[in-house]
Amino acid sequence: MSVRWGLAGWAITAGVALWVGALVALPLAAVGAEALHRGPGPALAAVLHPDALRALALSASLATWVAAVNTVGGLAVAWALVRWDFPGRRLLAAAVDLPFAVPTLVVGVLFVALLGPNTTLGRALEAAGLRVVYAWPGMAVALCFVTLPFVVRAVEPVLAELDPAEQEAARTLGATRWQVWSRVVIPPLIPPLVAGGGQSLARALGEFGAMAVVSGNVPRETLVASVYVLGEVEAGQVGDAAAVSLVLLALAAAAQLAGRRAGRWLGAA
């Protein structure tokens, strides 16, 4: 059945385009203009500054590690929520969505309050030779918590549609547990896992709130790119901050686009 695209349809389309342009396109254009208004040379120099490169490298390595961990952990959590009925299931489901409900700055404060160097648990861990907060481990754990929902919520609906009878049939035909997992369960879950991992990677690259609290912000050690950008703005180097922001934006967009494209390609294969 065809639908006539009349004046009302065009008006709605124009309104949506203007709204998206005001919220997304205009700010992005402003950042790009600020980064390049002095020319490409100063912008490139800002990105290639040793502190900026180290911050970008740290953000990229953390985000890659977190995306890999969340791909496995997200599958485990989604499996528990879909296939198991246990006490506290609803609480776990609510906890998965917690990063969507509270500012990530609050998440960082919670980690410091629990594992900071002035807490009992934090001092015990440091005595054992493991510093969590204001170090790489705490940053990674905080990012895992913040970005886990992207994988879980991507995998859940696909996992819910899988028929357990297919697994039982495979076992009846003599398949081992590993063969059931590798040939029946895992293949349909690969596309949402890849797409969710890409979203997790993109989100981790630009995370600011939790990182501003748990990282310690030591240049060339624990200073991530998002916090580095804030430091440049506070120092009056808005153009340099915009240049690094463009790189972060490009990395995050590429990660998310690659995850979606790979997920669709694997789903169609």
Foldseek 3Di string as FASTA:
>chain_A
DDDDCDPVNVVVVVVVVVVCCVVPVVVLVVLVCLQAVVHVPVLVVLCPDPLNVLQLVLLLVLLLVLLVVLLVVLVVLLCCLQPHDDPCSVVSVVQLCVLVVDPLLVVLVVCCVVQNCPDPNVVVCVVVVDHQFQASNVLSVSLNSNLNSLLNVLQNVQQNPQDVVVLVVCVVVPDDPVCSCVPPPPLSRVLSSLLSSLLSSLCSSQDDNNLVRRNNCDGSGRNHNNVVLVVCVVVVNPNSSSSSVVVSVVVSVVSNVVSNVVSVVSNVD
